[in-house]
Amino acid sequence: MNFTFRDKRIAGILTVLPEHEQKFADDMRNFDFPEARSLKLKQVMGYDRHRLVSAGTCASDLAVFGLRHLFEKGLLTPDGLDAMIVVTQSPDYFMPPTATSSRANWA
């Protein structure tokens, strides 16, 4: 997909990560897979830890946290923001979504 921006620019990128970090090995206990198979999955996925949000936290909450951080640090003002792109794998709600999926039907 190609995008063309006229008279606009991407002035910055901010990544917001949840505070809680969990190791893959700790997650292995939650699944009914043999340890060897789980370790192979870990190798294929290429990471040994991931971040988790607390219950009730949505992707949009992380976006708001990031904006507040930028405002409080004086790095951005509300008037200086023309657009915001939120990238997430998990929608907050079915409608209106903060993420899209290629799945035709939602469970």
C-alpha atoms as a PDB file:
ATOM      1  CA  MET A   1       0.000   0.000   0.000  1.00  0.00           C
ATOM      2  CA  ASN A   2       1.403   3.412  -0.946  1.00  0.00           C
ATOM      3  CA  PHE A   3       0.493   6.681   0.702  1.00  0.00           C
ATOM      4  CA  THR A   4       1.156  10.174  -0.523  1.00  0.00           C
ATOM      5  CA  PHE A   5       1.294  13.080   1.906  1.00  0.00           C
ATOM      6  CA  ARG A   6       1.003  16.570   0.483  1.00  0.00           C
ATOM      7  CA  ASP A   7       2.035  19.454   2.690  1.00  0.00           C
ATOM      8  CA  LYS A   8       2.254  17.071   5.676  1.00  0.00           C
ATOM      9  CA  ARG A   9       4.997  15.113   7.305  1.00  0.00           C
ATOM     10  CA  ILE A  10       5.407  12.468   9.950  1.00  0.00           C
ATOM     11  CA  ALA A  11       7.020  14.470  12.722  1.00  0.00           C
ATOM     12  CA  GLY A  12       7.485  11.693  15.235  1.00  0.00           C
ATOM     13  CA  ILE A  13       6.765   8.160  16.272  1.00  0.00           C
ATOM     14  CA  LEU A  14       5.960   7.115  19.830  1.00  0.00           C
ATOM     15  CA  THR A  15       5.772   3.543  21.066  1.00  0.00           C
ATOM     16  CA  VAL A  16       3.828   2.845  24.263  1.00  0.00           C
ATOM     17  CA  LEU A  17       4.493  -0.471  25.978  1.00  0.00           C
ATOM     18  CA  PRO A  18       2.660  -1.856  28.992  1.00  0.00           C
ATOM     19  CA  GLU A  19       4.681  -1.876  32.187  1.00  0.00           C
ATOM     20  CA  HIS A  20       4.182  -5.564  33.049  1.00  0.00           C
ATOM     21  CA  GLU A  21       6.612  -7.903  31.304  1.00  0.00           C
ATOM     22  CA  GLN A  22       6.135 -11.677  31.275  1.00  0.00           C
ATOM     23  CA  LYS A  23       8.561 -14.375  30.174  1.00  0.00           C
ATOM     24  CA  PHE A  24       7.544 -16.986  27.623  1.00  0.00           C
ATOM     25  CA  ALA A  25       8.644 -19.734  30.021  1.00  0.00           C
ATOM     26  CA  ASP A  26       6.066 -18.499  32.548  1.00  0.00           C
ATOM     27  CA  ASP A  27       3.346 -18.674  29.894  1.00  0.00           C
ATOM     28  CA  MET A  28       4.223 -22.263  29.008  1.00  0.00           C
ATOM     29  CA  ARG A  29       2.564 -23.458  32.225  1.00  0.00           C
ATOM     30  CA  ASN A  30      -0.804 -22.115  31.006  1.00  0.00           C
ATOM     31  CA  PHE A  31      -0.962 -24.358  27.940  1.00  0.00           C
ATOM     32  CA  ASP A  32      -1.321 -28.075  27.484  1.00  0.00           C
ATOM     33  CA  PHE A  33       1.717 -28.519  25.216  1.00  0.00           C
ATOM     34  CA  PRO A  34       4.785 -30.649  25.839  1.00  0.00           C
ATOM     35  CA  GLU A  35       7.713 -28.489  26.960  1.00  0.00           C
ATOM     36  CA  ALA A  36       9.812 -29.377  23.892  1.00  0.00           C
ATOM     37  CA  ARG A  37       7.004 -28.239  21.571  1.00  0.00           C
ATOM     38  CA  SER A  38       6.560 -25.007  23.514  1.00  0.00           C
ATOM     39  CA  LEU A  39      10.286 -24.272  23.315  1.00  0.00           C
ATOM     40  CA  LYS A  40      10.184 -24.878  19.558  1.00  0.00           C
ATOM     41  CA  LEU A  41       7.285 -22.424  19.290  1.00  0.00           C
ATOM     42  CA  LYS A  42       9.303 -19.899  21.295  1.00  0.00           C
ATOM     43  CA  GLN A  43      12.196 -20.297  18.867  1.00  0.00           C
ATOM     44  CA  VAL A  44       9.942 -19.889  15.813  1.00  0.00           C
ATOM     45  CA  MET A  45       8.245 -16.785  17.231  1.00  0.00           C
ATOM     46  CA  GLY A  46      11.611 -15.264  18.081  1.00  0.00           C
ATOM     47  CA  TYR A  47      10.951 -13.730  21.477  1.00  0.00           C
ATOM     48  CA  ASP A  48      11.282 -14.839  25.065  1.00  0.00           C
ATOM     49  CA  ARG A  49       9.120 -12.231  26.774  1.00  0.00           C
ATOM     50  CA  HIS A  50       6.168  -9.974  26.048  1.00  0.00           C
ATOM     51  CA  ARG A  51       4.264  -7.109  27.624  1.00  0.00           C
ATOM     52  CA  LEU A  52       0.821  -7.384  29.203  1.00  0.00           C
ATOM     53  CA  VAL A  53      -1.680  -4.679  30.044  1.00  0.00           C
ATOM     54  CA  SER A  54      -3.710  -4.773  33.225  1.00  0.00           C
ATOM     55  CA  ALA A  55      -7.303  -5.963  33.046  1.00  0.00           C
ATOM     56  CA  GLY A  56      -9.619  -3.437  31.436  1.00  0.00           C
ATOM     57  CA  THR A  57      -6.849  -1.580  29.567  1.00  0.00           C
ATOM     58  CA  CYS A  58      -7.544  -1.030  25.870  1.00  0.00           C
ATOM     59  CA  ALA A  59      -5.281  -0.099  22.975  1.00  0.00           C
ATOM     60  CA  SER A  60      -6.881   3.348  22.929  1.00  0.00           C
ATOM     61  CA  ASP A  61      -5.894   3.777  26.607  1.00  0.00           C
ATOM     62  CA  LEU A  62      -2.265   3.292  25.597  1.00  0.00           C
ATOM     63  CA  ALA A  63      -2.673   5.863  22.817  1.00  0.00           C
ATOM     64  CA  VAL A  64      -4.164   8.386  25.276  1.00  0.00           C
ATOM     65  CA  PHE A  65      -1.298   7.683  27.713  1.00  0.00           C
ATOM     66  CA  GLY A  66       1.205   8.406  24.940  1.00  0.00           C
ATOM     67  CA  LEU A  67      -0.500  11.656  23.963  1.00  0.00           C
ATOM     68  CA  ARG A  68      -0.644  12.844  27.568  1.00  0.00           C
ATOM     69  CA  HIS A  69       3.062  12.073  27.933  1.00  0.00           C
ATOM     70  CA  LEU A  70       3.861  14.184  24.863  1.00  0.00           C
ATOM     71  CA  PHE A  71       1.651  17.044  26.080  1.00  0.00           C
ATOM     72  CA  GLU A  72       3.104  17.006  29.617  1.00  0.00           C
ATOM     73  CA  LYS A  73       6.692  16.985  28.323  1.00  0.00           C
ATOM     74  CA  GLY A  74       5.890  19.922  26.036  1.00  0.00           C
ATOM     75  CA  LEU A  75       6.815  17.899  22.965  1.00  0.00           C
ATOM     76  CA  LEU A  76       3.386  18.356  21.388  1.00  0.00           C
ATOM     77  CA  THR A  77       0.350  20.562  21.839  1.00  0.00           C
ATOM     78  CA  PRO A  78      -3.210  19.527  21.034  1.00  0.00           C
ATOM     79  CA  ASP A  79      -3.328  22.223  18.345  1.00  0.00           C
ATOM     80  CA  GLY A  80      -0.147  20.812  16.801  1.00  0.00           C
ATOM     81  CA  LEU A  81      -1.714  17.420  16.144  1.00  0.00           C
ATOM     82  CA  ASP A  82      -3.353  16.981  12.747  1.00  0.00           C
ATOM     83  CA  ALA A  83      -3.723  13.206  12.739  1.00  0.00           C
ATOM     84  CA  MET A  84      -2.853  10.155  14.766  1.00  0.00           C
ATOM     85  CA  ILE A  85      -2.311   6.615  13.534  1.00  0.00           C
ATOM     86  CA  VAL A  86      -2.851   3.843  16.089  1.00  0.00           C
ATOM     87  CA  VAL A  87      -1.413   0.440  15.248  1.00  0.00           C
ATOM     88  CA  THR A  88      -2.658  -2.510  17.284  1.00  0.00           C
ATOM     89  CA  GLN A  89      -3.408  -6.177  16.840  1.00  0.00           C
ATOM     90  CA  SER A  90      -6.305  -6.072  19.271  1.00  0.00           C
ATOM     91  CA  PRO A  91      -9.400  -3.930  18.775  1.00  0.00           C
ATOM     92  CA  ASP A  92     -10.888  -2.291  21.858  1.00  0.00           C
ATOM     93  CA  TYR A  93     -14.414  -3.039  20.755  1.00  0.00           C
ATOM     94  CA  PHE A  94     -16.114  -4.580  17.728  1.00  0.00           C
ATOM     95  CA  MET A  95     -17.677  -1.204  16.864  1.00  0.00           C
ATOM     96  CA  PRO A  96     -16.139   1.295  16.536  1.00  0.00           C
ATOM     97  CA  PRO A  97     -12.893  -0.615  16.033  1.00  0.00           C
ATOM     98  CA  THR A  98      -9.395   0.641  16.779  1.00  0.00           C
ATOM     99  CA  ALA A  99      -8.033  -2.230  14.682  1.00  0.00           C
ATOM    100  CA  THR A 100      -9.185  -4.160  11.671  1.00  0.00           C
ATOM    101  CA  SER A 101      -8.860  -7.817  10.913  1.00  0.00           C
ATOM    102  CA  SER A 102      -8.866  -9.913   7.797  1.00  0.00           C
ATOM    103  CA  ARG A 103     -11.231 -12.333   9.519  1.00  0.00           C
ATOM    104  CA  ALA A 104     -14.675 -12.217   7.963  1.00  0.00           C
ATOM    105  CA  ASN A 105     -16.550 -13.169  11.113  1.00  0.00           C
ATOM    106  CA  TRP A 106     -15.924 -12.226  14.711  1.00  0.00           C
ATOM    107  CA  ALA A 107     -16.631 -14.817  17.364  1.00  0.00           C
END
